[in-house]
Amino acid sequence: VDILVKGSLPTGELLGAILHRDNGIRTDRRISHAFVIDSPAYHKLLVVTDAAINIEPDLAAKRDIVQNAIDLMHSLGVVTPKVALLSALEFVNPNIPSTVHAAALCKMADRKQITGAVLDGPLALDNAISKAAAKTKGIVSPVAGDPDVLVVPELESGNMLAKQFLYFSDSKEAGVLLGARVPVVLTSRSEGALGRLYSCAIAVLCHHHGRAS
């Protein structure tokens, strides 16, 4: 099975090799990271992206981040994943770029520039993961309360969100780098042996799905 597993070397050094113009394994798609989270506080597996690689992704980068996550969910057997595009609120506000990005990404999905999933956003975290919160705010959406993927506005909020799942709800997490020619296991330096094993399993599923496709 063709996968890469990050060892003790710094992430930047690994990315430098992956993205090398002549000898790397980059593709036309932006590289992104996904945390796959199994939390007792949520009713199914949940992906948080991108919380490790792209610091402040623009719209084009977010399009690839979303498509990478959709392809990941397909490899996990979710035929039509539900993708929640997170922001601080559920309305488009020109002063909050993540709300504008979310609206544009939804329209890109309508025009088949993003495929294989149902998107909705902008959604605040409460109405993204809670049907009750969405109902209270009058949000009618197939995604609200039942997402498979949470797309965060930028790295800082995503990193904090993923680690809150881990430390506040005793979640199990896997980490994988997507968008290269092979999946790459990329976990936190503090990750234990079990989390690294989960990450390898996810990477293997991505590899087999990619070959089948």
N, C-alpha and C. Protein backbone atom coordinates (compact mmCIF):
# COMPACT_ATOMS: atom_id res chain seq x y z
N VAL A 1 0.85 -1.18 0.00
CA VAL A 1 0.00 0.00 0.00
C VAL A 1 0.89 1.24 0.00
N ASP A 2 0.62 2.20 -0.89
CA ASP A 2 1.43 3.41 -1.00
C ASP A 2 0.85 4.51 -0.13
N ILE A 3 1.42 4.68 1.07
CA ILE A 3 1.10 5.80 1.94
C ILE A 3 2.40 6.30 2.55
N LEU A 4 2.39 7.53 3.02
CA LEU A 4 3.51 8.08 3.77
C LEU A 4 3.08 8.27 5.21
N VAL A 5 4.02 8.07 6.14
CA VAL A 5 3.74 8.26 7.55
C VAL A 5 4.79 9.22 8.11
N LYS A 6 4.33 10.32 8.68
CA LYS A 6 5.24 11.28 9.29
C LYS A 6 5.88 10.68 10.53
N GLY A 7 7.20 10.77 10.60
CA GLY A 7 7.92 10.32 11.78
C GLY A 7 8.25 11.49 12.68
N SER A 8 9.51 11.59 13.09
CA SER A 8 9.91 12.62 14.04
C SER A 8 10.35 13.91 13.37
N LEU A 9 10.42 13.93 12.03
CA LEU A 9 10.87 15.14 11.36
C LEU A 9 9.81 16.23 11.43
N PRO A 10 10.21 17.50 11.36
CA PRO A 10 9.24 18.59 11.40
C PRO A 10 8.27 18.52 10.22
N THR A 11 7.03 18.97 10.44
CA THR A 11 6.01 18.94 9.39
C THR A 11 6.45 19.74 8.17
N GLY A 12 7.08 20.90 8.39
CA GLY A 12 7.51 21.73 7.28
C GLY A 12 8.51 21.00 6.38
N GLU A 13 9.38 20.20 6.97
CA GLU A 13 10.35 19.45 6.19
C GLU A 13 9.65 18.40 5.34
N LEU A 14 8.67 17.72 5.92
CA LEU A 14 7.90 16.73 5.16
C LEU A 14 7.15 17.41 4.02
N LEU A 15 6.50 18.53 4.30
CA LEU A 15 5.76 19.23 3.25
C LEU A 15 6.68 19.70 2.14
N GLY A 16 7.88 20.14 2.51
CA GLY A 16 8.82 20.57 1.49
C GLY A 16 9.13 19.47 0.49
N ALA A 17 9.27 18.24 0.99
CA ALA A 17 9.54 17.11 0.11
C ALA A 17 8.31 16.75 -0.72
N ILE A 18 7.13 16.79 -0.09
CA ILE A 18 5.90 16.45 -0.80
C ILE A 18 5.64 17.45 -1.94
N LEU A 19 5.91 18.72 -1.67
CA LEU A 19 5.57 19.78 -2.63
C LEU A 19 6.72 20.13 -3.57
N HIS A 20 7.83 19.42 -3.50
CA HIS A 20 8.98 19.71 -4.36
C HIS A 20 8.56 19.68 -5.83
N ARG A 21 8.95 20.71 -6.55
CA ARG A 21 8.48 20.88 -7.92
C ARG A 21 8.84 19.70 -8.82
N ASP A 22 10.04 19.15 -8.66
CA ASP A 22 10.51 18.10 -9.56
C ASP A 22 10.36 16.69 -8.99
N ASN A 23 10.59 16.54 -7.69
CA ASN A 23 10.64 15.20 -7.11
C ASN A 23 9.52 14.93 -6.11
N GLY A 24 8.62 15.88 -5.94
CA GLY A 24 7.56 15.70 -4.95
C GLY A 24 6.39 14.87 -5.47
N ILE A 25 5.35 14.79 -4.66
CA ILE A 25 4.16 14.00 -5.02
C ILE A 25 2.93 14.91 -5.02
N ARG A 26 3.14 16.18 -5.34
CA ARG A 26 2.03 17.13 -5.40
C ARG A 26 1.15 16.83 -6.61
N THR A 27 -0.07 17.32 -6.55
CA THR A 27 -1.00 17.26 -7.68
C THR A 27 -1.46 18.69 -7.96
N ASP A 28 -2.41 18.83 -8.85
CA ASP A 28 -2.96 20.16 -9.13
C ASP A 28 -3.84 20.68 -8.00
N ARG A 29 -4.21 19.79 -7.08
CA ARG A 29 -5.10 20.18 -5.99
C ARG A 29 -4.30 20.62 -4.78
N ARG A 30 -4.85 21.58 -4.04
CA ARG A 30 -4.20 22.08 -2.83
C ARG A 30 -4.13 20.95 -1.77
N ILE A 31 -2.99 20.86 -1.10
CA ILE A 31 -2.83 19.93 0.00
C ILE A 31 -3.64 20.45 1.19
N SER A 32 -4.31 19.54 1.89
CA SER A 32 -5.03 19.93 3.11
C SER A 32 -5.01 18.79 4.11
N HIS A 33 -5.31 19.11 5.35
CA HIS A 33 -5.32 18.12 6.43
C HIS A 33 -6.74 17.92 6.92
N ALA A 34 -7.02 16.70 7.36
CA ALA A 34 -8.32 16.40 7.94
C ALA A 34 -8.14 15.62 9.24
N PHE A 35 -8.81 16.07 10.27
CA PHE A 35 -8.96 15.28 11.49
C PHE A 35 -10.25 14.47 11.36
N VAL A 36 -10.14 13.16 11.52
CA VAL A 36 -11.32 12.30 11.56
C VAL A 36 -11.58 11.99 13.03
N ILE A 37 -12.75 12.40 13.51
CA ILE A 37 -13.02 12.40 14.95
C ILE A 37 -14.16 11.45 15.28
N ASP A 38 -13.93 10.58 16.24
CA ASP A 38 -14.97 9.72 16.80
C ASP A 38 -15.22 10.20 18.23
N SER A 39 -16.28 10.98 18.39
CA SER A 39 -16.56 11.61 19.68
C SER A 39 -17.83 11.04 20.31
N PRO A 40 -17.79 10.74 21.61
CA PRO A 40 -19.02 10.31 22.30
C PRO A 40 -20.06 11.42 22.36
N ALA A 41 -19.65 12.65 22.07
CA ALA A 41 -20.59 13.78 22.09
C ALA A 41 -21.30 13.97 20.76
N TYR A 42 -20.96 13.14 19.75
CA TYR A 42 -21.58 13.28 18.43
C TYR A 42 -21.98 11.90 17.93
N HIS A 43 -22.99 11.85 17.06
CA HIS A 43 -23.62 10.58 16.73
C HIS A 43 -22.97 9.81 15.59
N LYS A 44 -21.91 10.35 14.99
CA LYS A 44 -21.22 9.64 13.92
C LYS A 44 -19.83 10.23 13.74
N LEU A 45 -19.03 9.61 12.88
CA LEU A 45 -17.71 10.16 12.60
C LEU A 45 -17.85 11.58 12.04
N LEU A 46 -16.89 12.41 12.40
CA LEU A 46 -16.92 13.81 12.00
C LEU A 46 -15.53 14.24 11.55
N VAL A 47 -15.47 14.92 10.42
CA VAL A 47 -14.19 15.43 9.91
C VAL A 47 -14.12 16.93 10.16
N VAL A 48 -12.98 17.38 10.67
CA VAL A 48 -12.70 18.82 10.82
C VAL A 48 -11.53 19.16 9.90
N THR A 49 -11.72 20.16 9.04
CA THR A 49 -10.69 20.52 8.06
C THR A 49 -10.76 22.01 7.74
N ASP A 50 -9.67 22.71 7.47
CA ASP A 50 -8.30 22.27 7.60
C ASP A 50 -7.75 22.89 8.87
N ALA A 51 -7.22 22.08 9.75
CA ALA A 51 -6.77 22.55 11.05
C ALA A 51 -5.27 22.40 11.25
N ALA A 52 -4.51 22.18 10.15
CA ALA A 52 -3.09 21.91 10.34
C ALA A 52 -2.18 22.45 9.25
N ILE A 53 -2.69 22.76 8.06
CA ILE A 53 -1.80 23.11 6.94
C ILE A 53 -2.04 24.52 6.42
N ASN A 54 -3.23 24.80 5.94
CA ASN A 54 -3.53 26.08 5.30
C ASN A 54 -3.92 27.12 6.36
N ILE A 55 -3.11 28.16 6.50
CA ILE A 55 -3.30 29.09 7.61
C ILE A 55 -4.54 29.96 7.41
N GLU A 56 -4.60 30.69 6.32
CA GLU A 56 -5.78 31.51 6.00
C GLU A 56 -6.13 31.26 4.54
N PRO A 57 -6.78 30.14 4.24
CA PRO A 57 -7.03 29.78 2.84
C PRO A 57 -7.99 30.74 2.16
N ASP A 58 -7.68 31.04 0.89
CA ASP A 58 -8.59 31.85 0.09
C ASP A 58 -9.68 30.94 -0.49
N LEU A 59 -10.55 31.50 -1.31
CA LEU A 59 -11.69 30.74 -1.82
C LEU A 59 -11.24 29.55 -2.67
N ALA A 60 -10.24 29.74 -3.51
CA ALA A 60 -9.76 28.64 -4.35
C ALA A 60 -9.20 27.51 -3.49
N ALA A 61 -8.45 27.87 -2.45
CA ALA A 61 -7.91 26.84 -1.56
C ALA A 61 -9.03 26.13 -0.82
N LYS A 62 -10.05 26.88 -0.39
CA LYS A 62 -11.15 26.25 0.35
C LYS A 62 -11.92 25.28 -0.55
N ARG A 63 -12.02 25.61 -1.83
CA ARG A 63 -12.67 24.69 -2.76
C ARG A 63 -11.95 23.35 -2.73
N ASP A 64 -10.63 23.35 -2.77
CA ASP A 64 -9.87 22.10 -2.73
C ASP A 64 -9.96 21.43 -1.37
N ILE A 65 -9.95 22.21 -0.30
CA ILE A 65 -10.09 21.65 1.04
C ILE A 65 -11.41 20.89 1.16
N VAL A 66 -12.47 21.51 0.65
CA VAL A 66 -13.79 20.88 0.70
C VAL A 66 -13.81 19.60 -0.14
N GLN A 67 -13.28 19.68 -1.36
CA GLN A 67 -13.32 18.50 -2.23
C GLN A 67 -12.45 17.37 -1.67
N ASN A 68 -11.32 17.71 -1.08
CA ASN A 68 -10.49 16.69 -0.43
C ASN A 68 -11.27 15.98 0.67
N ALA A 69 -11.99 16.75 1.48
CA ALA A 69 -12.76 16.16 2.58
C ALA A 69 -13.90 15.29 2.06
N ILE A 70 -14.54 15.73 0.98
CA ILE A 70 -15.61 14.94 0.38
C ILE A 70 -15.05 13.60 -0.11
N ASP A 71 -13.92 13.65 -0.80
CA ASP A 71 -13.31 12.41 -1.29
C ASP A 71 -12.93 11.49 -0.13
N LEU A 72 -12.46 12.08 0.97
CA LEU A 72 -12.15 11.29 2.17
C LEU A 72 -13.39 10.58 2.68
N MET A 73 -14.51 11.30 2.78
CA MET A 73 -15.74 10.67 3.27
C MET A 73 -16.21 9.57 2.34
N HIS A 74 -16.04 9.76 1.03
CA HIS A 74 -16.37 8.68 0.10
C HIS A 74 -15.54 7.44 0.39
N SER A 75 -14.26 7.63 0.70
CA SER A 75 -13.40 6.48 1.00
C SER A 75 -13.83 5.78 2.28
N LEU A 76 -14.53 6.50 3.17
CA LEU A 76 -15.04 5.91 4.41
C LEU A 76 -16.44 5.34 4.25
N GLY A 77 -16.96 5.36 3.03
CA GLY A 77 -18.24 4.74 2.76
C GLY A 77 -19.45 5.65 2.84
N VAL A 78 -19.23 6.96 3.01
CA VAL A 78 -20.34 7.92 3.06
C VAL A 78 -20.60 8.40 1.63
N VAL A 79 -21.70 7.99 1.05
CA VAL A 79 -21.96 8.23 -0.37
C VAL A 79 -22.17 9.71 -0.66
N THR A 80 -22.98 10.37 0.16
CA THR A 80 -23.27 11.80 -0.05
C THR A 80 -23.06 12.53 1.28
N PRO A 81 -21.81 12.87 1.59
CA PRO A 81 -21.55 13.54 2.87
C PRO A 81 -22.19 14.92 2.94
N LYS A 82 -22.48 15.32 4.15
CA LYS A 82 -23.03 16.64 4.42
C LYS A 82 -21.92 17.53 4.97
N VAL A 83 -21.72 18.67 4.32
CA VAL A 83 -20.60 19.55 4.63
C VAL A 83 -21.12 20.87 5.19
N ALA A 84 -20.71 21.19 6.41
CA ALA A 84 -21.08 22.45 7.04
C ALA A 84 -19.91 23.42 6.93
N LEU A 85 -20.16 24.59 6.37
CA LEU A 85 -19.14 25.62 6.20
C LEU A 85 -19.28 26.61 7.36
N LEU A 86 -18.34 26.56 8.28
CA LEU A 86 -18.48 27.26 9.55
C LEU A 86 -18.06 28.72 9.47
N SER A 87 -18.73 29.51 10.28
CA SER A 87 -18.36 30.90 10.50
C SER A 87 -18.87 31.28 11.89
N ALA A 88 -18.87 32.57 12.18
CA ALA A 88 -19.36 33.02 13.48
C ALA A 88 -20.87 33.19 13.50
N LEU A 89 -21.50 33.20 12.36
CA LEU A 89 -22.94 33.38 12.27
C LEU A 89 -23.45 32.75 10.98
N GLU A 90 -24.76 32.71 10.84
CA GLU A 90 -25.37 31.97 9.73
C GLU A 90 -25.83 32.88 8.59
N PHE A 91 -25.49 34.15 8.65
CA PHE A 91 -25.85 35.08 7.58
C PHE A 91 -24.61 35.57 6.86
N VAL A 92 -24.75 35.91 5.60
CA VAL A 92 -23.62 36.48 4.85
C VAL A 92 -23.40 37.91 5.31
N ASN A 93 -22.20 38.18 5.76
CA ASN A 93 -21.81 39.51 6.21
C ASN A 93 -20.52 39.88 5.48
N PRO A 94 -20.55 40.90 4.63
CA PRO A 94 -19.35 41.26 3.86
C PRO A 94 -18.13 41.56 4.72
N ASN A 95 -18.35 41.90 6.00
CA ASN A 95 -17.24 42.20 6.89
C ASN A 95 -16.60 40.95 7.49
N ILE A 96 -17.22 39.79 7.26
CA ILE A 96 -16.68 38.52 7.78
C ILE A 96 -16.42 37.63 6.57
N PRO A 97 -15.18 37.57 6.10
CA PRO A 97 -14.88 36.86 4.85
C PRO A 97 -15.34 35.41 4.83
N SER A 98 -15.31 34.72 5.96
CA SER A 98 -15.70 33.31 5.96
C SER A 98 -17.16 33.12 5.58
N THR A 99 -18.02 34.11 5.86
CA THR A 99 -19.42 33.99 5.46
C THR A 99 -19.55 34.12 3.94
N VAL A 100 -18.76 35.00 3.36
CA VAL A 100 -18.78 35.18 1.91
C VAL A 100 -18.22 33.93 1.23
N HIS A 101 -17.13 33.40 1.75
CA HIS A 101 -16.56 32.16 1.20
C HIS A 101 -17.58 31.02 1.26
N ALA A 102 -18.27 30.91 2.39
CA ALA A 102 -19.25 29.83 2.54
C ALA A 102 -20.35 29.93 1.50
N ALA A 103 -20.87 31.12 1.31
CA ALA A 103 -21.93 31.31 0.31
C ALA A 103 -21.42 30.98 -1.09
N ALA A 104 -20.20 31.41 -1.41
CA ALA A 104 -19.62 31.14 -2.73
C ALA A 104 -19.40 29.64 -2.93
N LEU A 105 -18.93 28.96 -1.89
CA LEU A 105 -18.70 27.52 -2.00
C LEU A 105 -20.01 26.77 -2.26
N CYS A 106 -21.08 27.20 -1.61
CA CYS A 106 -22.38 26.57 -1.86
C CYS A 106 -22.81 26.76 -3.31
N LYS A 107 -22.59 27.95 -3.85
CA LYS A 107 -22.94 28.19 -5.24
C LYS A 107 -22.02 27.40 -6.18
N MET A 108 -20.76 27.24 -5.81
CA MET A 108 -19.85 26.41 -6.60
C MET A 108 -20.33 24.97 -6.64
N ALA A 109 -20.88 24.50 -5.53
CA ALA A 109 -21.44 23.15 -5.51
C ALA A 109 -22.66 23.06 -6.43
N ASP A 110 -23.48 24.11 -6.42
CA ASP A 110 -24.63 24.13 -7.33
C ASP A 110 -24.20 24.05 -8.79
N ARG A 111 -23.04 24.64 -9.11
CA ARG A 111 -22.55 24.68 -10.48
C ARG A 111 -21.59 23.52 -10.79
N LYS A 112 -21.53 22.54 -9.88
CA LYS A 112 -20.70 21.33 -10.06
C LYS A 112 -19.21 21.62 -10.07
N GLN A 113 -18.80 22.74 -9.48
CA GLN A 113 -17.37 22.97 -9.28
C GLN A 113 -16.87 22.23 -8.05
N ILE A 114 -17.80 21.83 -7.21
CA ILE A 114 -17.56 20.92 -6.09
C ILE A 114 -18.61 19.82 -6.22
N THR A 115 -18.19 18.56 -6.14
CA THR A 115 -19.13 17.47 -6.40
C THR A 115 -19.09 16.41 -5.30
N GLY A 116 -20.20 15.67 -5.23
CA GLY A 116 -20.23 14.50 -4.36
C GLY A 116 -20.73 14.72 -2.97
N ALA A 117 -21.33 15.89 -2.70
CA ALA A 117 -21.76 16.18 -1.33
C ALA A 117 -22.88 17.21 -1.34
N VAL A 118 -23.48 17.40 -0.16
CA VAL A 118 -24.43 18.48 0.09
C VAL A 118 -23.74 19.50 0.97
N LEU A 119 -23.71 20.75 0.53
CA LEU A 119 -23.05 21.82 1.28
C LEU A 119 -24.08 22.80 1.83
N ASP A 120 -23.77 23.38 2.99
CA ASP A 120 -24.56 24.50 3.48
C ASP A 120 -23.67 25.39 4.33
N GLY A 121 -23.94 26.67 4.25
CA GLY A 121 -23.20 27.64 5.03
C GLY A 121 -23.46 29.03 4.49
N PRO A 122 -23.11 30.04 5.26
CA PRO A 122 -22.41 29.89 6.53
C PRO A 122 -23.31 29.37 7.64
N LEU A 123 -22.69 28.58 8.53
CA LEU A 123 -23.37 28.07 9.70
C LEU A 123 -22.47 28.30 10.91
N ALA A 124 -23.04 28.81 11.99
CA ALA A 124 -22.31 28.86 13.25
C ALA A 124 -22.22 27.45 13.82
N LEU A 125 -21.28 27.21 14.69
CA LEU A 125 -21.05 25.85 15.19
C LEU A 125 -22.29 25.28 15.85
N ASP A 126 -23.03 26.10 16.61
CA ASP A 126 -24.19 25.55 17.31
C ASP A 126 -25.24 25.03 16.34
N ASN A 127 -25.58 25.85 15.32
CA ASN A 127 -26.63 25.37 14.40
C ASN A 127 -26.08 24.43 13.35
N ALA A 128 -24.77 24.27 13.28
CA ALA A 128 -24.21 23.25 12.40
C ALA A 128 -24.38 21.86 13.00
N ILE A 129 -24.17 21.73 14.31
CA ILE A 129 -24.17 20.39 14.91
C ILE A 129 -25.41 20.09 15.76
N SER A 130 -26.26 21.08 15.95
CA SER A 130 -27.45 20.87 16.78
C SER A 130 -28.71 21.18 16.00
N LYS A 131 -29.56 20.18 15.82
CA LYS A 131 -30.85 20.41 15.16
C LYS A 131 -31.71 21.37 15.97
N ALA A 132 -31.63 21.27 17.30
CA ALA A 132 -32.43 22.15 18.15
C ALA A 132 -32.01 23.60 17.98
N ALA A 133 -30.71 23.83 17.94
CA ALA A 133 -30.22 25.20 17.75
C ALA A 133 -30.62 25.74 16.38
N ALA A 134 -30.53 24.89 15.36
CA ALA A 134 -30.92 25.31 14.02
C ALA A 134 -32.40 25.65 13.96
N LYS A 135 -33.22 24.83 14.61
CA LYS A 135 -34.67 25.08 14.61
C LYS A 135 -34.99 26.39 15.33
N THR A 136 -34.31 26.64 16.46
CA THR A 136 -34.54 27.87 17.20
C THR A 136 -34.24 29.10 16.36
N LYS A 137 -33.22 28.99 15.50
CA LYS A 137 -32.84 30.12 14.66
C LYS A 137 -33.56 30.12 13.31
N GLY A 138 -34.49 29.20 13.11
CA GLY A 138 -35.27 29.17 11.89
C GLY A 138 -34.52 28.69 10.67
N ILE A 139 -33.47 27.89 10.87
CA ILE A 139 -32.66 27.39 9.76
C ILE A 139 -33.22 26.05 9.28
N VAL A 140 -33.59 26.00 8.03
CA VAL A 140 -34.06 24.76 7.41
C VAL A 140 -32.96 24.27 6.49
N SER A 141 -32.35 23.15 6.83
CA SER A 141 -31.18 22.68 6.10
C SER A 141 -31.00 21.19 6.31
N PRO A 142 -30.64 20.43 5.25
CA PRO A 142 -30.34 19.02 5.42
C PRO A 142 -29.01 18.78 6.13
N VAL A 143 -28.21 19.84 6.23
CA VAL A 143 -26.89 19.71 6.86
C VAL A 143 -26.94 20.03 8.35
N ALA A 144 -27.68 21.05 8.71
CA ALA A 144 -27.71 21.51 10.10
C ALA A 144 -28.13 20.40 11.04
N GLY A 145 -27.30 20.12 12.03
CA GLY A 145 -27.58 19.07 13.00
C GLY A 145 -27.08 17.70 12.61
N ASP A 146 -26.57 17.56 11.38
CA ASP A 146 -26.16 16.23 10.92
C ASP A 146 -24.97 16.26 9.96
N PRO A 147 -24.00 17.15 10.12
CA PRO A 147 -22.90 17.19 9.16
C PRO A 147 -21.92 16.03 9.34
N ASP A 148 -21.29 15.67 8.24
CA ASP A 148 -20.17 14.72 8.27
C ASP A 148 -18.84 15.47 8.29
N VAL A 149 -18.85 16.69 7.78
CA VAL A 149 -17.63 17.48 7.65
C VAL A 149 -17.89 18.89 8.18
N LEU A 150 -16.96 19.39 9.00
CA LEU A 150 -16.95 20.79 9.42
C LEU A 150 -15.76 21.47 8.76
N VAL A 151 -16.03 22.44 7.90
CA VAL A 151 -14.97 23.21 7.23
C VAL A 151 -14.80 24.50 8.01
N VAL A 152 -13.62 24.69 8.58
CA VAL A 152 -13.38 25.84 9.45
C VAL A 152 -12.89 27.04 8.64
N PRO A 153 -13.04 28.25 9.17
CA PRO A 153 -12.62 29.44 8.42
C PRO A 153 -11.12 29.52 8.19
N GLU A 154 -10.33 29.15 9.21
CA GLU A 154 -8.87 29.23 9.12
C GLU A 154 -8.26 28.28 10.14
N LEU A 155 -6.94 28.15 10.07
CA LEU A 155 -6.24 27.11 10.83
C LEU A 155 -6.42 27.26 12.34
N GLU A 156 -6.34 28.46 12.86
CA GLU A 156 -6.36 28.63 14.32
C GLU A 156 -7.66 28.11 14.93
N SER A 157 -8.80 28.53 14.36
CA SER A 157 -10.09 28.07 14.90
C SER A 157 -10.24 26.57 14.72
N GLY A 158 -9.77 26.05 13.58
CA GLY A 158 -9.89 24.61 13.33
C GLY A 158 -9.05 23.79 14.28
N ASN A 159 -7.83 24.25 14.55
CA ASN A 159 -6.95 23.52 15.45
C ASN A 159 -7.52 23.47 16.85
N MET A 160 -8.07 24.62 17.30
CA MET A 160 -8.68 24.65 18.63
C MET A 160 -9.92 23.77 18.69
N LEU A 161 -10.74 23.79 17.62
CA LEU A 161 -11.94 22.97 17.60
C LEU A 161 -11.60 21.49 17.67
N ALA A 162 -10.65 21.04 16.86
CA ALA A 162 -10.28 19.62 16.85
C ALA A 162 -9.75 19.19 18.21
N LYS A 163 -8.95 20.04 18.84
CA LYS A 163 -8.37 19.66 20.14
C LYS A 163 -9.40 19.74 21.26
N GLN A 164 -10.42 20.57 21.11
CA GLN A 164 -11.50 20.57 22.09
C GLN A 164 -12.23 19.23 22.08
N PHE A 165 -12.49 18.70 20.89
CA PHE A 165 -13.10 17.38 20.82
C PHE A 165 -12.25 16.35 21.56
N LEU A 166 -10.95 16.42 21.36
CA LEU A 166 -10.05 15.43 21.93
C LEU A 166 -9.99 15.52 23.45
N TYR A 167 -9.89 16.72 23.98
CA TYR A 167 -9.64 16.87 25.41
C TYR A 167 -10.90 17.09 26.25
N PHE A 168 -11.97 17.61 25.65
CA PHE A 168 -13.19 17.85 26.41
C PHE A 168 -14.21 16.74 26.29
N SER A 169 -14.15 15.94 25.22
CA SER A 169 -15.16 14.89 25.07
C SER A 169 -14.53 13.50 24.92
N ASP A 170 -13.25 13.38 25.25
CA ASP A 170 -12.56 12.08 25.23
C ASP A 170 -12.71 11.41 23.87
N SER A 171 -12.50 12.20 22.81
CA SER A 171 -12.66 11.68 21.45
C SER A 171 -11.43 10.88 21.03
N LYS A 172 -11.64 10.05 20.02
CA LYS A 172 -10.54 9.39 19.33
C LYS A 172 -10.38 10.10 18.00
N GLU A 173 -9.12 10.40 17.61
CA GLU A 173 -8.88 11.18 16.41
C GLU A 173 -7.83 10.54 15.53
N ALA A 174 -8.01 10.71 14.23
CA ALA A 174 -7.00 10.33 13.25
C ALA A 174 -6.67 11.57 12.43
N GLY A 175 -5.45 11.62 11.90
CA GLY A 175 -5.05 12.76 11.10
C GLY A 175 -4.43 12.31 9.79
N VAL A 176 -4.91 12.88 8.68
CA VAL A 176 -4.40 12.49 7.37
C VAL A 176 -4.29 13.71 6.47
N LEU A 177 -3.22 13.71 5.68
CA LEU A 177 -2.98 14.77 4.71
C LEU A 177 -3.52 14.33 3.36
N LEU A 178 -4.29 15.21 2.71
CA LEU A 178 -5.00 14.87 1.48
C LEU A 178 -4.56 15.79 0.35
N GLY A 179 -4.75 15.32 -0.88
CA GLY A 179 -4.46 16.14 -2.04
C GLY A 179 -3.15 15.82 -2.73
N ALA A 180 -2.32 14.97 -2.13
CA ALA A 180 -1.09 14.51 -2.78
C ALA A 180 -1.40 13.23 -3.57
N ARG A 181 -0.39 12.69 -4.23
CA ARG A 181 -0.62 11.48 -5.03
C ARG A 181 -0.86 10.26 -4.16
N VAL A 182 -0.43 10.31 -2.91
CA VAL A 182 -0.73 9.24 -1.95
C VAL A 182 -1.16 9.89 -0.65
N PRO A 183 -1.99 9.23 0.16
CA PRO A 183 -2.36 9.79 1.46
C PRO A 183 -1.16 9.80 2.40
N VAL A 184 -1.15 10.78 3.29
CA VAL A 184 -0.03 10.95 4.22
C VAL A 184 -0.58 10.99 5.64
N VAL A 185 -0.06 10.12 6.49
CA VAL A 185 -0.45 10.11 7.90
C VAL A 185 0.26 11.27 8.59
N LEU A 186 -0.53 12.19 9.14
CA LEU A 186 0.03 13.38 9.78
C LEU A 186 -0.75 13.65 11.06
N THR A 187 -0.16 13.29 12.19
CA THR A 187 -0.82 13.45 13.48
C THR A 187 -0.10 14.50 14.31
N SER A 188 -0.75 14.90 15.39
CA SER A 188 -0.12 15.82 16.33
C SER A 188 1.08 15.15 17.00
N ARG A 189 2.07 15.96 17.40
CA ARG A 189 3.24 15.41 18.08
C ARG A 189 2.86 14.74 19.39
N SER A 190 1.73 15.15 19.98
CA SER A 190 1.29 14.58 21.26
C SER A 190 0.42 13.34 21.08
N GLU A 191 0.17 12.95 19.83
CA GLU A 191 -0.72 11.81 19.56
C GLU A 191 -0.09 10.51 20.06
N GLY A 192 -0.93 9.64 20.64
CA GLY A 192 -0.47 8.35 21.13
C GLY A 192 -0.46 7.29 20.05
N ALA A 193 -0.06 6.09 20.44
CA ALA A 193 0.08 4.99 19.48
C ALA A 193 -1.26 4.64 18.84
N LEU A 194 -2.35 4.68 19.62
CA LEU A 194 -3.65 4.30 19.07
C LEU A 194 -4.11 5.29 18.01
N GLY A 195 -3.92 6.59 18.26
CA GLY A 195 -4.29 7.59 17.27
C GLY A 195 -3.48 7.45 16.00
N ARG A 196 -2.23 7.11 16.11
CA ARG A 196 -1.40 6.90 14.93
C ARG A 196 -1.87 5.66 14.15
N LEU A 197 -2.30 4.64 14.88
CA LEU A 197 -2.84 3.45 14.22
C LEU A 197 -4.14 3.77 13.48
N TYR A 198 -5.03 4.53 14.12
CA TYR A 198 -6.26 4.95 13.44
C TYR A 198 -5.94 5.73 12.17
N SER A 199 -4.94 6.60 12.25
CA SER A 199 -4.58 7.42 11.10
C SER A 199 -4.07 6.57 9.96
N CYS A 200 -3.28 5.56 10.27
CA CYS A 200 -2.80 4.64 9.24
C CYS A 200 -3.97 3.91 8.58
N ALA A 201 -4.95 3.50 9.39
CA ALA A 201 -6.12 2.80 8.84
C ALA A 201 -6.90 3.70 7.89
N ILE A 202 -7.09 4.97 8.27
CA ILE A 202 -7.78 5.92 7.40
C ILE A 202 -7.01 6.11 6.10
N ALA A 203 -5.69 6.24 6.19
CA ALA A 203 -4.86 6.43 5.00
C ALA A 203 -4.95 5.24 4.06
N VAL A 204 -4.99 4.04 4.61
CA VAL A 204 -5.12 2.84 3.78
C VAL A 204 -6.46 2.84 3.04
N LEU A 205 -7.54 3.21 3.74
CA LEU A 205 -8.84 3.29 3.08
C LEU A 205 -8.83 4.34 1.96
N CYS A 206 -8.18 5.47 2.19
CA CYS A 206 -8.07 6.50 1.15
C CYS A 206 -7.30 5.94 -0.05
N HIS A 207 -6.23 5.22 0.21
CA HIS A 207 -5.43 4.65 -0.87
C HIS A 207 -6.26 3.69 -1.73
N HIS A 208 -6.98 2.79 -1.08
CA HIS A 208 -7.78 1.81 -1.83
C HIS A 208 -8.90 2.47 -2.61
N HIS A 209 -9.52 3.50 -2.01
CA HIS A 209 -10.58 4.21 -2.71
C HIS A 209 -10.03 4.94 -3.93
N GLY A 210 -8.85 5.54 -3.76
CA GLY A 210 -8.22 6.24 -4.88
C GLY A 210 -7.89 5.30 -6.02
N ARG A 211 -7.40 4.11 -5.72
CA ARG A 211 -7.10 3.15 -6.76
C ARG A 211 -8.37 2.67 -7.46
N ALA A 212 -9.43 2.47 -6.66
CA ALA A 212 -10.70 2.01 -7.25
C ALA A 212 -11.28 3.08 -8.17
N SER A 213 -11.05 4.37 -7.81
CA SER A 213 -11.60 5.45 -8.62
C SER A 213 -10.84 5.63 -9.92
